[in-house]
Amino acid sequence: MSKLAEVTEINPMTLENYQSQPGAGAVLQAFYERLASQLSKADLEWLSGAASGVEIMASNWSDLLTGLGCLMVGDADKDSIKVGSFADVQSITNLLFESANAFDTIKGLSHVASSASYRLNHFDELKEFDNARKAR
């Protein structure tokens, strides 16, 4: 049995399962897009503030993945003696799927923050547009 087949049997998070489920980022974007026209200036200011949190999340993930990469390179230099939690294909697969989920969330938060900032900067024009759409 191949390593990929072993992982797929053990780990229910296959590529097909992963791609068919909406991530947190997609959920955040969908909720924002549905509610954006109803948000007040205060709401938009609060949401646009998520930009700084997104930067921190991205920086933390960069540091974390760099550190893990260094640990894994260190393991590779020890004549195939593996230590730590990332010594097999399944654990590495789980790490990669969870990393992808984190970046999906970061992407969603970034979209919400930048869209809220844009909406805040063009608040009056967009309110007129939203009201005209409702009147139709």
C-alpha atoms as a PDB file:
ATOM      1  CA  MET A   1       0.000   0.000   0.000  1.00  0.00           C
ATOM      2  CA  SER A   2       1.335   3.429  -0.895  1.00  0.00           C
ATOM      3  CA  LYS A   3       1.942   6.102   1.727  1.00  0.00           C
ATOM      4  CA  LEU A   4      -0.827   8.256   0.210  1.00  0.00           C
ATOM      5  CA  ALA A   5      -3.304   5.368   0.429  1.00  0.00           C
ATOM      6  CA  GLU A   6      -2.321   4.777   4.064  1.00  0.00           C
ATOM      7  CA  VAL A   7      -2.893   8.422   4.933  1.00  0.00           C
ATOM      8  CA  THR A   8      -6.230   8.493   3.122  1.00  0.00           C
ATOM      9  CA  GLU A   9      -7.452   5.439   5.031  1.00  0.00           C
ATOM     10  CA  ILE A  10      -6.355   6.795   8.407  1.00  0.00           C
ATOM     11  CA  ASN A  11      -7.093  10.465   7.857  1.00  0.00           C
ATOM     12  CA  PRO A  12     -10.680  11.303   6.819  1.00  0.00           C
ATOM     13  CA  MET A  13      -9.503  14.729   5.590  1.00  0.00           C
ATOM     14  CA  THR A  14      -8.823  13.741   1.987  1.00  0.00           C
ATOM     15  CA  LEU A  15      -8.300  16.275  -0.756  1.00  0.00           C
ATOM     16  CA  GLU A  16     -11.885  15.736  -1.943  1.00  0.00           C
ATOM     17  CA  ASN A  17     -13.287  16.235   1.565  1.00  0.00           C
ATOM     18  CA  TYR A  18     -11.065  19.271   2.104  1.00  0.00           C
ATOM     19  CA  GLN A  19     -12.123  20.955  -1.130  1.00  0.00           C
ATOM     20  CA  SER A  20     -15.854  20.280  -0.673  1.00  0.00           C
ATOM     21  CA  GLN A  21     -16.156  22.001   2.709  1.00  0.00           C
ATOM     22  CA  PRO A  22     -16.267  25.789   2.996  1.00  0.00           C
ATOM     23  CA  GLY A  23     -13.412  27.156   5.045  1.00  0.00           C
ATOM     24  CA  ALA A  24     -13.715  29.788   7.744  1.00  0.00           C
ATOM     25  CA  GLY A  25     -12.493  32.440   5.318  1.00  0.00           C
ATOM     26  CA  ALA A  26     -15.256  31.682   2.823  1.00  0.00           C
ATOM     27  CA  VAL A  27     -17.855  31.769   5.601  1.00  0.00           C
ATOM     28  CA  LEU A  28     -16.567  35.147   6.843  1.00  0.00           C
ATOM     29  CA  GLN A  29     -16.647  36.568   3.320  1.00  0.00           C
ATOM     30  CA  ALA A  30     -20.171  35.276   2.665  1.00  0.00           C
ATOM     31  CA  PHE A  31     -21.544  36.740   5.891  1.00  0.00           C
ATOM     32  CA  TYR A  32     -19.857  40.070   5.245  1.00  0.00           C
ATOM     33  CA  GLU A  33     -21.142  40.298   1.672  1.00  0.00           C
ATOM     34  CA  ARG A  34     -24.701  39.586   2.814  1.00  0.00           C
ATOM     35  CA  LEU A  35     -24.609  42.130   5.641  1.00  0.00           C
ATOM     36  CA  ALA A  36     -22.342  44.859   4.275  1.00  0.00           C
ATOM     37  CA  SER A  37     -25.129  47.156   3.097  1.00  0.00           C
ATOM     38  CA  GLN A  38     -26.708  47.112   6.579  1.00  0.00           C
ATOM     39  CA  LEU A  39     -23.577  48.001   8.563  1.00  0.00           C
ATOM     40  CA  SER A  40     -23.112  51.329  10.297  1.00  0.00           C
ATOM     41  CA  LYS A  41     -19.946  53.416  10.142  1.00  0.00           C
ATOM     42  CA  ALA A  42     -19.030  52.153  13.627  1.00  0.00           C
ATOM     43  CA  ASP A  43     -19.441  48.543  12.488  1.00  0.00           C
ATOM     44  CA  LEU A  44     -17.285  49.178   9.415  1.00  0.00           C
ATOM     45  CA  GLU A  45     -14.582  50.863  11.491  1.00  0.00           C
ATOM     46  CA  TRP A  46     -14.506  47.875  13.818  1.00  0.00           C
ATOM     47  CA  LEU A  47     -14.312  45.377  10.937  1.00  0.00           C
ATOM     48  CA  SER A  48     -11.638  47.358   9.093  1.00  0.00           C
ATOM     49  CA  GLY A  49      -9.552  47.129  12.270  1.00  0.00           C
ATOM     50  CA  ALA A  50      -9.154  43.404  11.596  1.00  0.00           C
ATOM     51  CA  ALA A  51      -6.347  44.295   9.180  1.00  0.00           C
ATOM     52  CA  SER A  52      -3.813  44.591  12.003  1.00  0.00           C
ATOM     53  CA  GLY A  53      -4.896  41.218  13.399  1.00  0.00           C
ATOM     54  CA  VAL A  54      -4.469  39.650   9.972  1.00  0.00           C
ATOM     55  CA  GLU A  55      -0.899  40.920   9.765  1.00  0.00           C
ATOM     56  CA  ILE A  56      -0.123  39.469  13.191  1.00  0.00           C
ATOM     57  CA  MET A  57      -1.672  36.108  12.266  1.00  0.00           C
ATOM     58  CA  ALA A  58       0.312  35.932   9.027  1.00  0.00           C
ATOM     59  CA  SER A  59       3.532  36.866  10.821  1.00  0.00           C
ATOM     60  CA  ASN A  60       2.948  34.253  13.527  1.00  0.00           C
ATOM     61  CA  TRP A  61       2.271  31.542  10.943  1.00  0.00           C
ATOM     62  CA  SER A  62       5.415  32.520   9.048  1.00  0.00           C
ATOM     63  CA  ASP A  63       7.492  32.199  12.218  1.00  0.00           C
ATOM     64  CA  LEU A  64       5.824  28.905  13.164  1.00  0.00           C
ATOM     65  CA  LEU A  65       6.312  27.272   9.768  1.00  0.00           C
ATOM     66  CA  THR A  66       9.903  28.500   9.556  1.00  0.00           C
ATOM     67  CA  GLY A  67      10.621  26.955  12.961  1.00  0.00           C
ATOM     68  CA  LEU A  68       9.004  23.663  11.964  1.00  0.00           C
ATOM     69  CA  GLY A  69      10.962  23.628   8.733  1.00  0.00           C
ATOM     70  CA  CYS A  70      14.192  24.071  10.694  1.00  0.00           C
ATOM     71  CA  LEU A  71      13.239  21.217  13.032  1.00  0.00           C
ATOM     72  CA  MET A  72      12.442  18.933  10.107  1.00  0.00           C
ATOM     73  CA  VAL A  73      15.735  19.777   8.366  1.00  0.00           C
ATOM     74  CA  GLY A  74      17.515  19.004  11.640  1.00  0.00           C
ATOM     75  CA  ASP A  75      15.769  15.625  11.761  1.00  0.00           C
ATOM     76  CA  ALA A  76      16.789  14.861   8.182  1.00  0.00           C
ATOM     77  CA  ASP A  77      20.447  15.338   9.113  1.00  0.00           C
ATOM     78  CA  LYS A  78      20.286  12.581  11.744  1.00  0.00           C
ATOM     79  CA  ASP A  79      20.574   9.565   9.410  1.00  0.00           C
ATOM     80  CA  SER A  80      16.808   9.009   9.173  1.00  0.00           C
ATOM     81  CA  ILE A  81      16.260   8.987  12.935  1.00  0.00           C
ATOM     82  CA  LYS A  82      13.053  10.969  13.323  1.00  0.00           C
ATOM     83  CA  VAL A  83      12.127  12.814  16.480  1.00  0.00           C
ATOM     84  CA  GLY A  84       9.199  15.022  17.301  1.00  0.00           C
ATOM     85  CA  SER A  85       5.653  15.020  15.997  1.00  0.00           C
ATOM     86  CA  PHE A  86       6.318  15.407  12.276  1.00  0.00           C
ATOM     87  CA  ALA A  87       8.050  12.140  11.552  1.00  0.00           C
ATOM     88  CA  ASP A  88       5.433  10.525   9.319  1.00  0.00           C
ATOM     89  CA  VAL A  89       3.326  11.379   6.293  1.00  0.00           C
ATOM     90  CA  GLN A  90       0.054  11.632   8.246  1.00  0.00           C
ATOM     91  CA  SER A  91       1.350  14.187  10.722  1.00  0.00           C
ATOM     92  CA  ILE A  92       2.811  16.297   7.929  1.00  0.00           C
ATOM     93  CA  THR A  93      -0.456  16.043   5.975  1.00  0.00           C
ATOM     94  CA  ASN A  94      -2.399  17.212   9.024  1.00  0.00           C
ATOM     95  CA  LEU A  95       0.000  20.125   9.460  1.00  0.00           C
ATOM     96  CA  LEU A  96      -0.419  21.168   5.835  1.00  0.00           C
ATOM     97  CA  PHE A  97      -4.237  20.945   5.910  1.00  0.00           C
ATOM     98  CA  GLU A  98      -4.401  22.964   9.128  1.00  0.00           C
ATOM     99  CA  SER A  99      -1.970  25.507   7.689  1.00  0.00           C
ATOM    100  CA  ALA A 100      -4.182  25.833   4.622  1.00  0.00           C
ATOM    101  CA  ASN A 101      -7.208  26.355   6.887  1.00  0.00           C
ATOM    102  CA  ALA A 102      -5.369  29.072   8.792  1.00  0.00           C
ATOM    103  CA  PHE A 103      -4.412  30.864   5.577  1.00  0.00           C
ATOM    104  CA  ASP A 104      -8.002  30.569   4.336  1.00  0.00           C
ATOM    105  CA  THR A 105      -9.124  32.294   7.538  1.00  0.00           C
ATOM    106  CA  ILE A 106      -6.454  34.964   7.129  1.00  0.00           C
ATOM    107  CA  LYS A 107      -7.612  35.508   3.537  1.00  0.00           C
ATOM    108  CA  GLY A 108     -11.241  35.852   4.656  1.00  0.00           C
ATOM    109  CA  LEU A 109     -10.365  38.292   7.425  1.00  0.00           C
ATOM    110  CA  SER A 110      -8.235  40.298   5.028  1.00  0.00           C
ATOM    111  CA  HIS A 111     -11.128  40.494   2.550  1.00  0.00           C
ATOM    112  CA  VAL A 112     -13.555  41.620   5.249  1.00  0.00           C
ATOM    113  CA  ALA A 113     -11.122  44.214   6.611  1.00  0.00           C
ATOM    114  CA  SER A 114     -10.266  45.705   3.215  1.00  0.00           C
ATOM    115  CA  SER A 115     -13.891  45.649   2.017  1.00  0.00           C
ATOM    116  CA  ALA A 116     -15.066  47.303   5.229  1.00  0.00           C
ATOM    117  CA  SER A 117     -12.363  49.946   4.867  1.00  0.00           C
ATOM    118  CA  TYR A 118     -13.412  50.623   1.264  1.00  0.00           C
ATOM    119  CA  ARG A 119     -17.086  50.801   2.264  1.00  0.00           C
ATOM    120  CA  LEU A 120     -16.230  53.157   5.109  1.00  0.00           C
ATOM    121  CA  ASN A 121     -14.257  55.464   2.783  1.00  0.00           C
ATOM    122  CA  HIS A 122     -17.180  55.539   0.292  1.00  0.00           C
ATOM    123  CA  PHE A 123     -19.979  55.304   2.853  1.00  0.00           C
ATOM    124  CA  ASP A 124     -22.366  57.933   1.476  1.00  0.00           C
ATOM    125  CA  GLU A 125     -22.092  56.880  -2.180  1.00  0.00           C
ATOM    126  CA  LEU A 126     -22.567  53.211  -1.338  1.00  0.00           C
ATOM    127  CA  LYS A 127     -25.563  53.971   0.926  1.00  0.00           C
ATOM    128  CA  GLU A 128     -27.208  55.799  -2.001  1.00  0.00           C
ATOM    129  CA  PHE A 129     -26.467  52.839  -4.269  1.00  0.00           C
ATOM    130  CA  ASP A 130     -27.808  50.344  -1.702  1.00  0.00           C
ATOM    131  CA  ASN A 131     -30.983  52.407  -1.196  1.00  0.00           C
ATOM    132  CA  ALA A 132     -31.541  52.649  -4.968  1.00  0.00           C
ATOM    133  CA  ARG A 133     -31.187  48.854  -5.268  1.00  0.00           C
ATOM    134  CA  LYS A 134     -33.714  48.320  -2.466  1.00  0.00           C
ATOM    135  CA  ALA A 135     -36.193  50.679  -4.145  1.00  0.00           C
ATOM    136  CA  ARG A 136     -36.284  48.590  -7.340  1.00  0.00           C
END
